[in-house]
Amino acid sequence: MRPFIIAAFSIYLAGLIAVSLHHLLKNEWLEPISRRLLALGAVVHTAGLIQRIYSTGHAPMASMYETLVFFSWMTIVVSVIVIYRYRERLTELFTVPVAMLALAFALVKEKPGGPLTLILRTRWFETHVISSFAAYALFTLAFSAALLYLIHDLRRSDETEMKKFQDIAGKSILWGFFFFSASMFAGAVWAYLAWGTYWLWEPKVLWSFIVWFFYAGAMHAYYVREWRGRGLSVATVIGFFIVIFTYLGVSLLMKSSHSF
């Protein structure tokens, strides 16, 4: 998978440079080039995941290396959807670098693939992880939109533009919360099958509940008009760092049932 990941990283970098120059220089011919480069990178990235599945015989989510590559891929997929569905070319200035950092970290944490341990051989595990990273990718998009809102707020930009970023953040949190709730449900069933209990008093589970509770509040706030604004955008940015700590910080710094 390594050659595919390096190639995808390089293409994403080229696409990021192209879209950045598109915004800085106002050259319209760079817009379609950057869009096609990101799509091409996604195709190469997908090929790498398929190769990993073929070589290991299971979904690529059994180690930190695999989940980093998968998280990066999900973030790119969300970015591509926003570009082609909504013609939005600013949010990727933050989502794509996050995806690239995940790929770079994955290369550092690379390890050979192998068969799943017995505890992971259940569809509930796969459902749990896929839903988690779909939510993480959407929370990354919400972070990007909230950050852009704050930047435009400082510049006192047009309210229509600011409302667009609030809407993107709100919808991303809504769908992210849906997928994260599904992940927690699947994780509870998996925990029961693996350990005989739906709940474990350990760091990963506790921090996952914190993430769920945080975005439950944020989702509610985004759909109560008078709660929108700068403060909620700051909270959305903070929420992203809570997600990253829950995903990486807990795994690297604390003993957890999610360490394999």
Protein backbone atom coordinates (compact mmCIF):
# COMPACT_ATOMS: atom_id res chain seq x y z
CA MET A 1 0.00 0.00 0.00
CA ARG A 2 2.93 2.36 0.63
CA PRO A 3 3.52 3.33 -3.05
CA PHE A 4 -0.16 4.22 -3.41
CA ILE A 5 -0.11 6.32 -0.24
CA ILE A 6 3.02 8.22 -1.30
CA ALA A 7 1.51 8.82 -4.75
CA ALA A 8 -1.81 9.98 -3.26
CA PHE A 9 0.00 12.32 -0.86
CA SER A 10 1.96 13.84 -3.75
CA ILE A 11 -1.17 14.37 -5.85
CA TYR A 12 -3.02 15.92 -2.90
CA LEU A 13 -0.10 18.29 -2.38
CA ALA A 14 -0.19 19.32 -6.04
CA GLY A 15 -3.96 19.83 -5.84
CA LEU A 16 -3.65 21.88 -2.66
CA ILE A 17 -1.02 24.11 -4.24
CA ALA A 18 -3.21 24.52 -7.33
CA VAL A 19 -6.35 25.50 -5.39
CA SER A 20 -4.33 27.85 -3.16
CA LEU A 21 -2.92 29.61 -6.23
CA HIS A 22 -6.42 29.70 -7.69
CA HIS A 23 -7.60 31.71 -4.68
CA LEU A 24 -4.48 33.88 -4.41
CA LEU A 25 -4.03 34.72 -8.08
CA LYS A 26 -7.71 34.55 -9.10
CA ASN A 27 -6.78 32.34 -12.05
CA GLU A 28 -9.91 30.43 -13.04
CA TRP A 29 -8.05 27.86 -15.14
CA LEU A 30 -6.44 26.50 -11.98
CA GLU A 31 -9.83 25.63 -10.44
CA PRO A 32 -10.66 22.61 -12.64
CA ILE A 33 -7.04 21.43 -12.47
CA SER A 34 -7.06 21.43 -8.67
CA ARG A 35 -10.46 19.69 -8.63
CA ARG A 36 -9.27 16.92 -10.95
CA LEU A 37 -6.04 16.46 -9.02
CA LEU A 38 -7.98 15.91 -5.79
CA ALA A 39 -10.28 13.42 -7.52
CA LEU A 40 -7.25 11.62 -9.01
CA GLY A 41 -5.61 11.47 -5.59
CA ALA A 42 -8.80 9.96 -4.18
CA VAL A 43 -8.75 7.26 -6.87
CA VAL A 44 -5.11 6.38 -6.12
CA HIS A 45 -5.86 6.41 -2.38
CA THR A 46 -8.79 4.07 -2.96
CA ALA A 47 -6.57 1.73 -4.97
CA GLY A 48 -4.18 1.59 -2.01
CA LEU A 49 -6.99 0.60 0.35
CA ILE A 50 -8.21 -2.06 -2.08
CA GLN A 51 -4.68 -3.46 -2.33
CA ARG A 52 -4.48 -3.62 1.48
CA ILE A 53 -7.84 -5.40 1.69
CA TYR A 54 -6.68 -7.90 -0.93
CA SER A 55 -3.40 -8.59 0.84
CA THR A 56 -4.81 -8.90 4.38
CA GLY A 57 -8.25 -10.35 3.66
CA HIS A 58 -10.07 -7.80 5.82
CA ALA A 59 -11.13 -4.15 5.93
CA PRO A 60 -8.18 -1.78 6.56
CA MET A 61 -8.94 -0.81 10.14
CA ALA A 62 -7.10 -3.25 12.41
CA SER A 63 -4.14 -1.03 13.35
CA MET A 64 -3.36 2.66 13.79
CA TYR A 65 -1.58 2.64 10.44
CA GLU A 66 -4.67 1.33 8.67
CA THR A 67 -7.10 3.62 10.50
CA LEU A 68 -4.99 6.70 9.73
CA VAL A 69 -5.07 5.85 6.02
CA PHE A 70 -8.81 5.16 6.26
CA PHE A 71 -9.50 8.42 8.17
CA SER A 72 -7.54 10.34 5.55
CA TRP A 73 -9.54 8.67 2.77
CA MET A 74 -12.88 9.46 4.43
CA THR A 75 -11.84 13.10 4.85
CA ILE A 76 -10.92 13.32 1.18
CA VAL A 77 -14.22 11.71 0.16
CA VAL A 78 -16.14 14.30 2.17
CA SER A 79 -14.04 17.07 0.58
CA VAL A 80 -14.70 15.77 -2.93
CA ILE A 81 -18.45 15.58 -2.25
CA VAL A 82 -18.48 19.21 -1.08
CA ILE A 83 -16.51 20.31 -4.16
CA TYR A 84 -18.63 18.51 -6.76
CA ARG A 85 -22.00 18.87 -5.03
CA TYR A 86 -21.75 22.44 -3.73
CA ARG A 87 -18.86 23.92 -5.78
CA GLU A 88 -17.24 25.01 -2.52
CA ARG A 89 -13.48 25.48 -2.87
CA LEU A 90 -12.43 26.94 0.48
CA THR A 91 -13.16 24.19 3.01
CA GLU A 92 -10.61 21.90 1.36
CA LEU A 93 -7.86 24.37 2.32
CA PHE A 94 -8.17 22.85 5.81
CA THR A 95 -9.63 19.37 5.24
CA VAL A 96 -6.99 18.31 2.70
CA PRO A 97 -4.02 19.28 4.95
CA VAL A 98 -5.62 17.26 7.77
CA ALA A 99 -5.91 14.28 5.41
CA MET A 100 -2.29 14.74 4.31
CA LEU A 101 -1.04 14.93 7.90
CA ALA A 102 -2.89 11.69 8.64
CA LEU A 103 -1.17 10.03 5.66
CA ALA A 104 2.25 11.33 6.74
CA PHE A 105 1.71 10.01 10.27
CA ALA A 106 0.49 6.71 8.82
CA LEU A 107 3.78 6.26 6.95
CA VAL A 108 5.61 6.73 10.27
CA LYS A 109 3.36 4.14 11.96
CA GLU A 110 3.44 1.68 9.04
CA LYS A 111 3.28 -2.00 9.93
CA PRO A 112 2.71 -5.19 7.94
CA GLY A 113 -0.86 -6.40 7.60
CA GLY A 114 -2.08 -9.72 8.88
CA PRO A 115 -5.21 -11.67 9.77
CA LEU A 116 -7.64 -10.20 12.27
CA THR A 117 -7.45 -11.32 15.86
CA LEU A 118 -10.46 -13.33 17.02
CA ILE A 119 -11.92 -10.38 18.94
CA LEU A 120 -12.17 -8.32 15.73
CA ARG A 121 -13.82 -10.94 13.55
CA THR A 122 -17.31 -9.49 13.61
CA ARG A 123 -19.27 -7.16 11.33
CA TRP A 124 -20.10 -5.07 14.39
CA PHE A 125 -16.44 -4.10 14.64
CA GLU A 126 -16.30 -3.03 11.00
CA THR A 127 -19.59 -1.12 11.33
CA HIS A 128 -18.27 0.57 14.47
CA VAL A 129 -15.03 1.73 12.83
CA ILE A 130 -16.51 2.79 9.48
CA SER A 131 -19.19 4.85 11.24
CA SER A 132 -16.60 6.38 13.56
CA PHE A 133 -14.38 7.60 10.76
CA ALA A 134 -17.30 8.82 8.67
CA ALA A 135 -18.19 10.95 11.72
CA TYR A 136 -14.58 12.06 12.21
CA ALA A 137 -14.38 13.16 8.57
CA LEU A 138 -17.61 15.15 8.89
CA PHE A 139 -16.41 16.74 12.12
CA THR A 140 -13.24 17.72 10.24
CA LEU A 141 -15.40 19.40 7.59
CA ALA A 142 -17.35 21.18 10.34
CA PHE A 143 -14.04 22.36 11.81
CA SER A 144 -12.97 23.73 8.43
CA ALA A 145 -16.26 25.57 7.88
CA ALA A 146 -16.27 27.00 11.42
CA LEU A 147 -12.67 28.20 11.00
CA LEU A 148 -13.57 29.89 7.72
CA TYR A 149 -16.55 31.52 9.44
CA LEU A 150 -14.25 32.95 12.11
CA ILE A 151 -11.77 34.22 9.49
CA HIS A 152 -14.56 35.94 7.55
CA ASP A 153 -15.99 37.29 10.79
CA LEU A 154 -12.67 38.94 11.61
CA ARG A 155 -12.61 40.44 8.13
CA ARG A 156 -16.24 41.52 8.49
CA SER A 157 -17.07 39.77 5.23
CA ASP A 158 -20.43 39.49 3.53
CA GLU A 159 -23.06 37.85 5.76
CA THR A 160 -24.20 35.56 2.95
CA GLU A 161 -20.72 34.01 2.77
CA MET A 162 -20.61 33.60 6.54
CA LYS A 163 -24.06 31.99 6.58
CA LYS A 164 -22.85 29.49 3.96
CA PHE A 165 -20.04 28.32 6.25
CA GLN A 166 -22.41 28.11 9.22
CA ASP A 167 -24.76 25.95 7.16
CA ILE A 168 -21.92 23.65 6.09
CA ALA A 169 -20.76 23.30 9.70
CA GLY A 170 -24.29 22.66 10.94
CA LYS A 171 -25.07 19.98 8.35
CA SER A 172 -21.68 18.34 8.90
CA ILE A 173 -22.31 18.13 12.64
CA LEU A 174 -25.83 16.79 12.08
CA TRP A 175 -24.62 13.95 9.87
CA GLY A 176 -21.46 13.44 11.90
CA PHE A 177 -23.55 13.04 15.05
CA PHE A 178 -25.76 10.50 13.25
CA PHE A 179 -22.78 8.39 12.21
CA PHE A 180 -21.09 8.71 15.60
CA SER A 181 -24.28 7.57 17.34
CA ALA A 182 -24.40 4.56 15.01
CA SER A 183 -20.75 3.91 15.84
CA MET A 184 -21.41 3.94 19.58
CA PHE A 185 -24.36 1.57 19.15
CA ALA A 186 -22.30 -0.85 17.04
CA GLY A 187 -19.40 -0.52 19.49
CA ALA A 188 -21.65 -1.42 22.42
CA VAL A 189 -22.85 -4.57 20.64
CA TRP A 190 -19.26 -5.47 19.73
CA ALA A 191 -18.16 -4.92 23.34
CA TYR A 192 -20.90 -7.26 24.54
CA LEU A 193 -19.82 -9.96 22.09
CA ALA A 194 -16.13 -9.49 22.98
CA TRP A 195 -16.19 -8.85 26.74
CA GLY A 196 -19.73 -9.63 27.87
CA THR A 197 -20.65 -6.01 28.69
CA TYR A 198 -22.02 -3.07 26.72
CA TRP A 199 -19.91 -0.50 28.61
CA LEU A 200 -16.28 -0.45 29.69
CA TRP A 201 -14.91 2.07 32.18
CA GLU A 202 -11.79 2.82 30.21
CA PRO A 203 -10.35 5.97 28.54
CA LYS A 204 -11.41 5.38 24.93
CA VAL A 205 -15.03 4.70 25.82
CA LEU A 206 -15.21 7.64 28.23
CA TRP A 207 -13.69 10.08 25.74
CA SER A 208 -16.00 8.76 23.00
CA PHE A 209 -18.93 9.59 25.24
CA ILE A 210 -17.47 13.09 25.75
CA VAL A 211 -17.31 13.52 21.95
CA TRP A 212 -20.90 12.31 21.58
CA PHE A 213 -22.15 14.60 24.34
CA PHE A 214 -20.21 17.60 22.97
CA TYR A 215 -21.59 17.27 19.45
CA ALA A 216 -25.10 16.55 20.74
CA GLY A 217 -24.95 20.02 22.29
CA ALA A 218 -23.38 21.57 19.19
CA MET A 219 -25.99 19.99 16.91
CA HIS A 220 -28.76 21.39 19.11
CA ALA A 221 -27.13 24.82 19.14
CA TYR A 222 -26.70 25.02 15.37
CA TYR A 223 -30.44 24.50 14.90
CA VAL A 224 -31.48 27.15 17.42
CA ARG A 225 -31.02 30.37 15.44
CA GLU A 226 -30.12 32.71 18.28
CA TRP A 227 -27.29 30.43 19.44
CA ARG A 228 -25.39 30.68 16.17
CA GLY A 229 -22.39 32.91 15.72
CA ARG A 230 -18.79 33.36 16.74
CA GLY A 231 -19.02 31.47 20.04
CA LEU A 232 -20.52 28.36 18.46
CA SER A 233 -17.90 28.42 15.70
CA VAL A 234 -15.15 28.54 18.35
CA ALA A 235 -16.81 25.59 20.11
CA THR A 236 -16.87 23.66 16.81
CA VAL A 237 -13.14 24.25 16.33
CA ILE A 238 -12.50 23.07 19.91
CA GLY A 239 -14.64 20.00 19.24
CA PHE A 240 -12.33 18.96 16.41
CA PHE A 241 -9.35 18.88 18.79
CA ILE A 242 -11.39 16.81 21.25
CA VAL A 243 -12.00 14.35 18.41
CA ILE A 244 -8.30 14.19 17.53
CA PHE A 245 -7.37 13.60 21.17
CA THR A 246 -10.00 10.88 21.46
CA TYR A 247 -8.70 9.19 18.31
CA LEU A 248 -4.93 9.62 18.64
CA GLY A 249 -4.18 11.01 22.09
CA VAL A 250 -5.97 8.31 24.03
CA SER A 251 -4.47 5.56 21.85
CA LEU A 252 -0.92 6.89 22.18
CA LEU A 253 -0.95 8.04 25.82
CA MET A 254 -3.32 5.65 27.60
CA LYS A 255 -3.97 1.93 27.77
CA SER A 256 -7.20 1.11 26.01
CA SER A 257 -9.30 -1.78 24.77
CA HIS A 258 -8.92 -0.17 21.33
CA SER A 259 -5.16 -0.80 21.19
CA PHE A 260 -4.38 -3.79 18.97
